[in-house]
Protein backbone atom coordinates (compact mmCIF):
# COMPACT_ATOMS: atom_id res chain seq x y z
CA MET A 1 0.00 0.00 0.00
CA ALA A 2 1.16 3.55 -0.76
CA VAL A 3 1.90 6.09 1.93
CA LYS A 4 -1.30 8.04 2.66
CA VAL A 5 -1.12 11.83 2.68
CA ALA A 6 -3.72 14.49 3.57
CA LEU A 7 -3.46 18.22 2.84
CA ASP A 8 -5.46 21.09 4.30
CA SER A 9 -5.32 24.83 3.69
CA LEU A 10 -6.43 27.88 5.67
CA GLY A 11 -6.65 31.48 4.55
CA CYS A 12 -6.35 33.03 1.12
CA LYS A 13 -6.77 31.73 -2.42
CA LEU A 14 -2.99 31.83 -2.83
CA ASN A 15 -2.70 29.28 -0.04
CA GLN A 16 -5.32 27.18 -1.84
CA ALA A 17 -3.34 27.38 -5.08
CA GLU A 18 -0.13 26.32 -3.36
CA THR A 19 -1.91 23.48 -1.58
CA ASP A 20 -3.31 22.31 -4.91
CA ASP A 21 0.23 22.32 -6.31
CA LEU A 22 1.42 20.21 -3.37
CA PHE A 23 -1.50 17.86 -3.97
CA ARG A 24 -0.35 17.33 -7.54
CA GLN A 25 3.25 16.78 -6.50
CA PHE A 26 2.40 14.11 -3.94
CA ALA A 27 -0.21 12.39 -6.10
CA GLY A 28 2.06 12.47 -9.14
CA ALA A 29 4.85 10.85 -7.09
CA GLY A 30 2.53 7.98 -6.17
CA TYR A 31 1.36 8.93 -2.69
CA GLN A 32 -2.24 8.09 -1.87
CA MET A 33 -4.30 11.22 -1.14
CA VAL A 34 -6.80 10.64 1.67
CA SER A 35 -8.77 12.39 4.42
CA PRO A 36 -6.91 13.58 7.57
CA ASP A 37 -8.27 10.73 9.69
CA GLU A 38 -6.75 8.14 7.34
CA ALA A 39 -3.41 9.82 6.72
CA ASP A 40 0.10 8.68 7.54
CA ILE A 41 1.27 12.24 6.86
CA TYR A 42 -0.95 15.29 7.52
CA ILE A 43 0.12 18.68 6.10
CA LEU A 44 -1.54 21.99 6.97
CA ASN A 45 -0.80 25.11 4.94
CA THR A 46 -1.34 27.72 7.66
CA CYS A 47 -2.45 31.35 7.67
CA THR A 48 -1.29 34.08 10.07
CA VAL A 49 -3.00 37.24 8.81
CA THR A 50 -4.86 37.61 12.15
CA HIS A 51 -4.72 36.05 15.60
CA ILE A 52 -7.93 34.21 14.69
CA ALA A 53 -6.14 32.59 11.74
CA ASP A 54 -3.36 31.52 14.12
CA ARG A 55 -5.93 30.02 16.49
CA LYS A 56 -7.66 28.13 13.69
CA SER A 57 -4.32 26.68 12.59
CA ARG A 58 -3.44 25.48 16.09
CA HIS A 59 -6.93 24.06 16.62
CA LEU A 60 -6.87 22.11 13.36
CA LEU A 61 -3.41 20.69 14.03
CA ARG A 62 -4.37 19.55 17.53
CA SER A 63 -7.68 18.16 16.30
CA VAL A 64 -6.05 16.02 13.61
CA HIS A 65 -3.46 14.72 16.09
CA ARG A 66 -6.20 13.84 18.57
CA ARG A 67 -8.24 11.93 15.99
CA ASN A 68 -5.24 10.36 14.25
CA PRO A 69 -2.35 10.20 16.76
CA GLY A 70 -0.25 7.97 14.50
CA ALA A 71 0.01 10.56 11.72
CA VAL A 72 3.12 12.67 11.21
CA VAL A 73 1.72 16.21 11.48
CA VAL A 74 3.43 18.88 9.36
CA ALA A 75 2.81 22.65 9.54
CA THR A 76 3.85 24.89 6.68
CA GLY A 77 2.80 28.29 5.33
CA CYS A 78 2.69 31.81 6.74
CA TYR A 79 2.25 30.97 10.43
CA ALA A 80 5.13 28.50 10.13
CA GLU A 81 7.22 31.26 8.57
CA ARG A 82 6.34 33.84 11.22
CA ALA A 83 6.54 31.76 14.40
CA PRO A 84 8.05 28.30 13.82
CA ALA A 85 8.89 27.72 17.49
CA GLU A 86 5.32 28.56 18.49
CA LEU A 87 3.91 26.01 16.06
CA ALA A 88 6.50 23.42 17.03
CA GLY A 89 5.08 23.63 20.54
CA VAL A 90 1.59 22.62 19.42
CA LYS A 91 0.84 19.10 20.59
CA GLY A 92 1.28 16.57 17.82
CA VAL A 93 3.22 18.78 15.40
CA ARG A 94 6.38 16.98 14.29
CA ILE A 95 7.72 19.14 11.44
CA VAL A 96 7.48 22.91 10.77
CA LEU A 97 8.50 24.29 7.36
CA GLY A 98 8.08 27.94 6.33
CA ASN A 99 7.02 29.43 3.00
CA SER A 100 10.55 29.32 1.64
CA ASP A 101 10.58 25.54 2.07
CA LYS A 102 7.06 24.96 0.75
CA PRO A 103 8.00 24.39 -2.93
CA ASN A 104 10.46 21.67 -1.83
CA LEU A 105 8.22 20.15 0.83
CA LEU A 106 7.93 16.72 -0.80
CA ARG A 107 11.70 16.33 -1.15
CA LEU A 108 12.35 17.64 2.36
CA LEU A 109 9.87 15.22 3.90
CA GLU A 110 11.36 12.30 2.00
CA GLU A 111 14.85 13.31 3.17
CA SER A 112 13.63 13.63 6.76
CA GLY A 113 12.85 9.91 6.87
CA CYS A 114 9.33 10.49 8.18
CA PHE A 115 8.01 7.92 5.71
CA ASP A 116 9.38 4.95 3.81
CA ASN A 117 9.74 5.62 0.09
CA ARG A 118 9.49 1.90 -0.61
CA LEU A 119 5.77 2.21 0.08
CA VAL A 120 5.21 4.81 -2.60
CA GLY A 121 2.88 3.63 -5.33
CA GLN A 122 2.77 4.03 -9.08
CA GLU A 123 3.72 7.40 -10.57
CA GLY A 124 1.51 9.45 -12.88
CA LEU A 125 -1.82 9.05 -11.10
CA VAL A 126 -2.38 12.77 -10.62
CA SER A 127 -4.96 13.23 -13.38
CA ASP A 128 -7.04 10.32 -12.09
CA ILE A 129 -7.19 11.10 -8.38
CA CYS A 130 -6.29 14.74 -7.91
CA ASP A 131 -8.53 16.65 -10.23
CA SER A 132 -11.97 15.41 -9.25
CA PHE A 133 -12.21 17.46 -6.05
CA ARG A 134 -12.78 20.95 -7.38
CA THR A 135 -14.33 22.54 -10.44
CA ARG A 136 -12.38 25.79 -10.06
CA ALA A 137 -8.60 25.73 -10.34
CA MET A 138 -6.52 28.20 -8.35
CA VAL A 139 -3.48 29.19 -10.41
CA LYS A 140 -0.68 31.18 -8.79
CA ILE A 141 0.79 33.95 -10.93
CA GLN A 142 2.63 36.04 -8.34
CA ASP A 143 3.85 36.04 -4.74
CA GLY A 144 4.98 38.60 -2.18
CA CYS A 145 4.27 42.28 -1.55
CA SER A 146 6.47 45.36 -1.18
CA ASN A 147 3.81 47.82 0.00
CA PHE A 148 4.23 47.33 3.77
CA CYS A 149 0.83 48.62 4.85
CA THR A 150 1.19 49.41 8.53
CA TYR A 151 -1.08 46.58 9.76
CA CYS A 152 -0.03 43.81 7.39
CA ILE A 153 2.19 40.84 8.25
CA VAL A 154 2.17 39.47 4.69
CA PRO A 155 5.37 41.20 3.41
CA LEU A 156 7.22 39.81 6.42
CA VAL A 157 6.15 36.19 5.83
CA ARG A 158 5.92 36.24 2.01
CA GLY A 159 8.77 38.58 1.10
CA GLY A 160 8.98 40.97 -1.84
CA GLU A 161 7.10 40.68 -5.10
CA ARG A 162 8.01 37.86 -7.50
CA ASN A 163 6.18 37.01 -10.70
CA LEU A 164 5.84 33.68 -12.45
CA ASP A 165 6.87 33.43 -16.08
CA VAL A 166 4.04 34.12 -18.55
CA GLY A 167 4.70 30.87 -20.38
CA ARG A 168 4.48 28.88 -17.19
CA VAL A 169 1.16 30.49 -16.22
CA VAL A 170 -0.33 29.84 -19.64
CA GLY A 171 0.98 26.27 -19.53
CA ASP A 172 -0.51 25.70 -16.08
CA ILE A 173 -3.91 26.89 -17.30
CA LYS A 174 -3.74 24.69 -20.41
CA GLN A 175 -3.04 21.75 -18.11
CA ARG A 176 -5.99 22.56 -15.85
CA VAL A 177 -8.30 22.90 -18.85
CA ALA A 178 -7.08 19.54 -20.19
CA GLN A 179 -7.85 18.02 -16.77
CA GLY A 180 -11.45 19.20 -17.04
CA TYR A 181 -11.56 22.41 -15.04
CA ARG A 182 -14.19 24.86 -16.30
CA GLU A 183 -12.99 27.89 -14.30
CA VAL A 184 -9.55 29.22 -13.41
CA VAL A 185 -8.89 31.76 -10.65
CA LEU A 186 -5.66 33.76 -10.95
CA THR A 187 -4.20 34.34 -7.52
CA GLY A 188 -1.25 35.86 -5.68
CA VAL A 189 -0.60 38.47 -3.01
CA ARG A 190 -0.71 41.42 -5.45
CA ILE A 191 -1.75 40.11 -8.84
CA GLY A 192 -2.44 43.64 -10.08
CA SER A 193 1.29 44.37 -9.91
CA TYR A 194 2.11 41.40 -12.16
CA SER A 195 4.97 42.05 -14.59
CA ASP A 196 7.12 39.60 -16.52
CA ASN A 197 9.53 41.03 -19.08
CA GLY A 198 7.19 43.92 -19.77
CA VAL A 199 4.01 41.82 -19.76
CA THR A 200 1.55 43.32 -17.30
CA LEU A 201 -1.57 41.72 -15.86
CA ALA A 202 -3.56 42.99 -18.85
CA GLY A 203 -1.04 41.40 -21.21
CA LEU A 204 -1.15 38.14 -19.28
CA LEU A 205 -4.95 38.04 -19.53
CA GLU A 206 -4.72 38.64 -23.28
CA ARG A 207 -2.31 35.72 -23.63
CA ILE A 208 -4.51 33.41 -21.54
CA LEU A 209 -7.66 34.30 -23.48
CA ALA A 210 -5.89 33.90 -26.83
CA GLU A 211 -3.94 30.72 -26.10
CA THR A 212 -6.13 28.61 -23.80
CA GLY A 213 -9.60 27.16 -23.94
CA VAL A 214 -10.56 28.25 -20.42
CA GLU A 215 -14.32 28.81 -20.18
CA ARG A 216 -14.26 31.09 -17.15
CA LEU A 217 -11.39 33.24 -15.93
CA ARG A 218 -11.68 34.95 -12.54
CA LEU A 219 -9.25 37.24 -10.75
CA SER A 220 -8.68 37.19 -7.01
CA SER A 221 -7.92 40.42 -5.16
CA LEU A 222 -6.94 43.72 -6.79
CA GLN A 223 -5.95 47.15 -5.45
CA PRO A 224 -7.85 50.23 -6.73
CA GLY A 225 -4.68 51.76 -8.20
CA GLU A 226 -4.10 48.64 -10.29
CA ILE A 227 -7.32 49.10 -12.29
CA SER A 228 -6.82 50.80 -15.65
CA PRO A 229 -9.11 51.43 -18.66
CA GLU A 230 -6.90 48.98 -20.60
CA LEU A 231 -7.56 46.28 -18.02
CA ILE A 232 -11.31 46.91 -17.76
CA ALA A 233 -11.63 46.83 -21.58
CA LEU A 234 -10.65 43.15 -21.58
CA TRP A 235 -13.99 42.29 -19.96
CA ARG A 236 -15.51 42.55 -23.43
CA ASP A 237 -14.54 38.89 -23.57
CA GLY A 238 -17.37 37.04 -21.83
CA ARG A 239 -15.00 34.44 -20.42
CA LEU A 240 -13.72 36.98 -17.90
CA CYS A 241 -16.02 36.75 -14.89
CA PRO A 242 -17.82 40.03 -14.07
CA HIS A 243 -16.45 40.03 -10.54
CA PHE A 244 -13.86 42.41 -9.08
CA HIS A 245 -12.61 41.99 -5.52
CA LEU A 246 -11.23 45.40 -4.59
CA CYS A 247 -9.52 45.77 -1.20
CA LEU A 248 -11.01 48.76 0.62
CA GLN A 249 -9.97 48.15 4.26
CA SER A 250 -11.62 51.39 5.44
CA GLY A 251 -14.06 53.95 4.12
CA SER A 252 -12.38 56.71 6.14
CA ASP A 253 -9.58 58.67 4.49
CA SER A 254 -7.84 59.40 7.77
CA VAL A 255 -7.78 55.68 8.66
CA LEU A 256 -6.54 54.80 5.17
CA GLY A 257 -3.69 57.24 5.71
CA ARG A 258 -2.67 55.61 9.00
CA MET A 259 -2.91 52.21 7.34
CA GLY A 260 -0.46 53.26 4.64
CA ARG A 261 -2.98 52.56 1.88
CA ARG A 262 -2.20 54.32 -1.40
CA TYR A 263 -5.63 55.62 -2.41
CA SER A 264 -8.46 57.76 -1.10
CA THR A 265 -12.15 56.91 -0.86
CA ALA A 266 -12.78 59.27 -3.80
CA GLU A 267 -10.29 57.35 -5.95
CA PHE A 268 -11.83 54.05 -4.88
CA GLU A 269 -15.30 55.31 -5.80
CA ARG A 270 -14.11 56.48 -9.24
CA VAL A 271 -12.65 53.05 -9.97
CA VAL A 272 -15.88 51.32 -8.93
CA SER A 273 -17.89 53.67 -11.16
CA CYS A 274 -15.63 52.97 -14.16
CA ILE A 275 -15.99 49.22 -13.68
CA ARG A 276 -19.77 49.36 -13.32
CA ASN A 277 -20.12 51.53 -16.41
CA ALA A 278 -18.10 49.08 -18.50
CA VAL A 279 -19.01 45.62 -17.15
CA PRO A 280 -22.69 44.56 -17.10
CA CYS A 281 -24.00 42.61 -14.07
CA VAL A 282 -20.66 43.09 -12.30
CA ALA A 283 -20.15 42.14 -8.65
CA ILE A 284 -17.84 44.35 -6.61
CA THR A 285 -16.71 42.62 -3.42
CA THR A 286 -14.34 43.91 -0.78
CA ASP A 287 -12.56 43.56 2.58
CA VAL A 288 -13.25 45.96 5.44
CA MET A 289 -11.34 46.23 8.73
CA VAL A 290 -12.84 47.63 11.91
CA GLY A 291 -11.04 48.73 15.05
CA PHE A 292 -7.77 49.92 13.50
CA PRO A 293 -5.66 51.73 16.13
CA ALA A 294 -7.16 55.10 17.11
CA GLU A 295 -10.24 54.54 14.89
CA THR A 296 -12.80 56.94 16.34
CA ASP A 297 -16.58 56.61 16.30
CA ARG A 298 -16.66 59.28 13.59
CA GLU A 299 -14.15 57.42 11.43
CA PHE A 300 -16.07 54.18 11.82
CA GLU A 301 -19.28 55.94 10.80
CA GLU A 302 -17.50 57.33 7.72
CA SER A 303 -16.42 53.83 6.80
CA TYR A 304 -19.88 52.40 7.43
CA ARG A 305 -21.61 55.06 5.32
CA PHE A 306 -19.10 54.67 2.50
CA CYS A 307 -19.65 50.90 2.39
CA ARG A 308 -23.41 51.43 2.28
CA ARG A 309 -23.06 53.88 -0.61
CA MET A 310 -20.83 51.49 -2.58
CA GLU A 311 -23.51 48.75 -2.56
CA PHE A 312 -20.98 45.94 -2.47
CA ALA A 313 -22.08 42.48 -3.54
CA ARG A 314 -20.15 40.99 -0.64
CA ILE A 315 -18.12 42.43 2.25
CA HIS A 316 -15.58 40.40 4.19
CA VAL A 317 -15.52 42.03 7.63
CA PHE A 318 -12.70 41.49 10.07
CA SER A 319 -11.37 43.18 13.20
CA TYR A 320 -7.88 44.62 13.38
CA SER A 321 -5.43 42.08 14.76
CA ARG A 322 -2.17 43.28 16.28
CA ARG A 323 0.70 41.58 14.46
CA SER A 324 4.16 41.82 16.03
CA GLY A 325 6.69 43.33 13.64
CA THR A 326 4.20 45.58 11.84
CA GLU A 327 4.27 49.34 12.29
CA ALA A 328 0.69 49.52 13.56
CA SER A 329 1.44 47.11 16.41
CA GLY A 330 3.29 49.98 18.07
CA PHE A 331 0.60 52.60 17.46
CA PRO A 332 -0.95 54.15 20.57
CA GLU A 333 -4.69 54.06 21.25
CA GLN A 334 -5.31 50.42 20.40
CA VAL A 335 -9.08 49.90 20.16
CA GLY A 336 -10.61 47.61 22.79
CA ASP A 337 -12.15 44.24 22.01
CA ARG A 338 -15.64 45.31 23.07
CA VAL A 339 -15.65 48.24 20.65
CA LYS A 340 -14.23 46.05 17.87
CA LYS A 341 -16.99 43.51 18.43
CA GLU A 342 -19.72 46.14 18.30
CA ARG A 343 -18.36 47.70 15.12
CA ALA A 344 -17.84 44.32 13.47
CA GLY A 345 -21.45 43.42 14.30
CA ARG A 346 -22.78 46.55 12.63
CA MET A 347 -20.59 46.09 9.57
CA LEU A 348 -21.57 42.42 9.28
CA ALA A 349 -25.25 43.40 9.37
CA LEU A 350 -24.57 45.83 6.53
CA ALA A 351 -22.69 43.11 4.67
CA ARG A 352 -25.72 40.80 4.87
CA GLU A 353 -28.03 43.60 3.74
CA SER A 354 -25.81 44.59 0.81
CA ALA A 355 -25.38 40.98 -0.33
CA GLY A 356 -29.13 40.43 -0.19
CA ASP A 357 -29.83 43.59 -2.20
CA PHE A 358 -27.32 42.52 -4.84
CA ARG A 359 -28.94 39.09 -5.27
CA LEU A 360 -32.42 40.58 -5.50
CA GLN A 361 -31.41 42.44 -8.68
CA PHE A 362 -31.07 39.13 -10.52
CA LEU A 363 -34.25 37.33 -9.48
CA GLY A 364 -36.17 36.26 -12.56
CA THR A 365 -33.08 36.30 -14.76
CA MET A 366 -31.23 33.37 -16.32
CA LEU A 367 -27.54 33.04 -15.44
CA MET A 368 -24.94 30.36 -16.10
CA VAL A 369 -23.99 28.39 -12.98
CA LEU A 370 -20.94 26.19 -12.49
CA PHE A 371 -22.01 23.48 -10.04
CA GLU A 372 -19.56 22.27 -7.43
CA GLN A 373 -21.15 20.65 -4.39
CA ARG A 374 -24.07 18.45 -3.39
CA SER A 375 -25.93 17.97 -0.12
CA GLY A 376 -28.48 15.21 -0.64
CA ALA A 377 -30.51 16.20 -3.69
CA ILE A 378 -29.49 19.88 -3.42
CA TRP A 379 -26.68 21.12 -5.65
CA SER A 380 -24.88 24.43 -5.34
CA GLY A 381 -22.59 26.43 -7.59
CA LEU A 382 -21.57 29.95 -8.56
CA THR A 383 -22.61 32.35 -11.26
CA ALA A 384 -19.89 34.28 -13.04
CA ASN A 385 -20.71 37.28 -10.82
CA TYR A 386 -20.26 35.23 -7.67
CA ILE A 387 -23.83 34.52 -6.61
CA LYS A 388 -24.23 31.15 -4.92
CA VAL A 389 -27.10 29.25 -6.50
CA TYR A 390 -28.95 26.19 -5.18
CA VAL A 391 -31.07 23.80 -7.24
CA LYS A 392 -32.70 20.44 -6.69
CA SER A 393 -31.61 17.73 -9.09
CA SER A 394 -31.45 13.95 -9.18
CA THR A 395 -28.72 14.02 -11.82
CA ASP A 396 -25.01 14.49 -11.21
CA LEU A 397 -24.19 18.17 -11.77
CA THR A 398 -20.55 18.06 -10.68
CA ASN A 399 -18.55 20.44 -12.87
CA VAL A 400 -21.59 21.12 -15.06
CA LEU A 401 -22.02 24.64 -16.44
CA ARG A 402 -25.75 25.18 -16.96
CA PRO A 403 -28.25 28.04 -17.34
CA VAL A 404 -30.39 28.53 -14.25
CA ARG A 405 -33.35 30.82 -13.62
CA LEU A 406 -32.96 32.58 -10.28
CA LEU A 407 -36.23 32.41 -8.35
CA ARG A 408 -35.87 33.51 -4.73
CA VAL A 409 -33.36 34.33 -2.01
CA TYR A 410 -32.26 31.16 -0.23
CA ARG A 411 -29.73 30.74 2.60
CA ASP A 412 -26.53 32.57 1.59
CA GLY A 413 -27.54 32.71 -2.07
CA VAL A 414 -30.46 32.15 -4.41
CA TRP A 415 -32.74 29.22 -5.17
CA GLY A 416 -32.92 28.44 -8.85
CA GLU A 417 -34.36 26.15 -11.47
CA THR A 418 -32.29 24.60 -14.23
CA ALA A 419 -33.40 25.16 -17.78
CA ALA A 420 -35.25 22.26 -19.36
């Protein structure tokens, strides 16, 4: 029997993309990919963007060790890069490898002697066992950030900006399409800054659209200053999903200044207006932080009102988390937990309201849905503009792209009916 390996990922889409790459490496080398409870080796790609992410990582590592005490537990990723000794002290964790070691993780584990290579199975099984788990492929195009926003730990655990070769990215997408993926998500820390020998993000998108058969192409997170008329014009191609995730962080200019963000709310609003004027049915989603050091009631209200005016399709709300080594960790007037909780509650209520209003616009319309998951007879999937759609079907809809009429709001999305 082959050595059994399980992989988990927390945090951003970049982590998901890197975990998918590890999955392919292990499966292609003949290791059997299984659930955590069955694994001989368990690997968690950790996140450390907030203290909550740290806590989730520790909890998951301890939980797997408790349920499967015989497994060799490995922690990698951003938390492992930031605080390796801290993770090494988590009960059950045997090996800690940071981001710099992640690309070589398979070789390093083999060299460590934590499993017997004689048990490795047949090579070349990756297309049979690895690619049936998701319908959307996360493809990494870039890593690192050089902005050093005052609150952000990412530049310290990911390093400066590095871009993957255009040819490699296009080749990766061709491979995913050949494996049956219908949608590709381009991901990185700052994909809007992508540049390879003069090829910008817009040029990369042109190459992908011209040279691959991808049916849907989605971008992960972008900064407002990275949006240009040249970039927006590419959305004339219907394969580009009408969905822009623009990082706001705060709707108060004074808070944005203390954060070290390189735009104003007026600039953000102009970018949103340009996108909406050019891209029909577009979803604008965002991240918003509450409780940044010295954030006053007035500044929070500015942020709240700005988010309401923007009518976002989805808002990811999170409270400021003090990260050692960042400039903001030393700022005076840290906001208390009670105030953070109250502000997060108000912003989350607005997020639910805004998301509901966005979905209501599309009731009665027919949109294409890429189905991904099933719970009993209920299937769910996403529209190109990121609305979660549920339908009832007795047939297998895994990885099926099908027109659906949106009928009513349901759970965190919309209930629909597939076309006859």
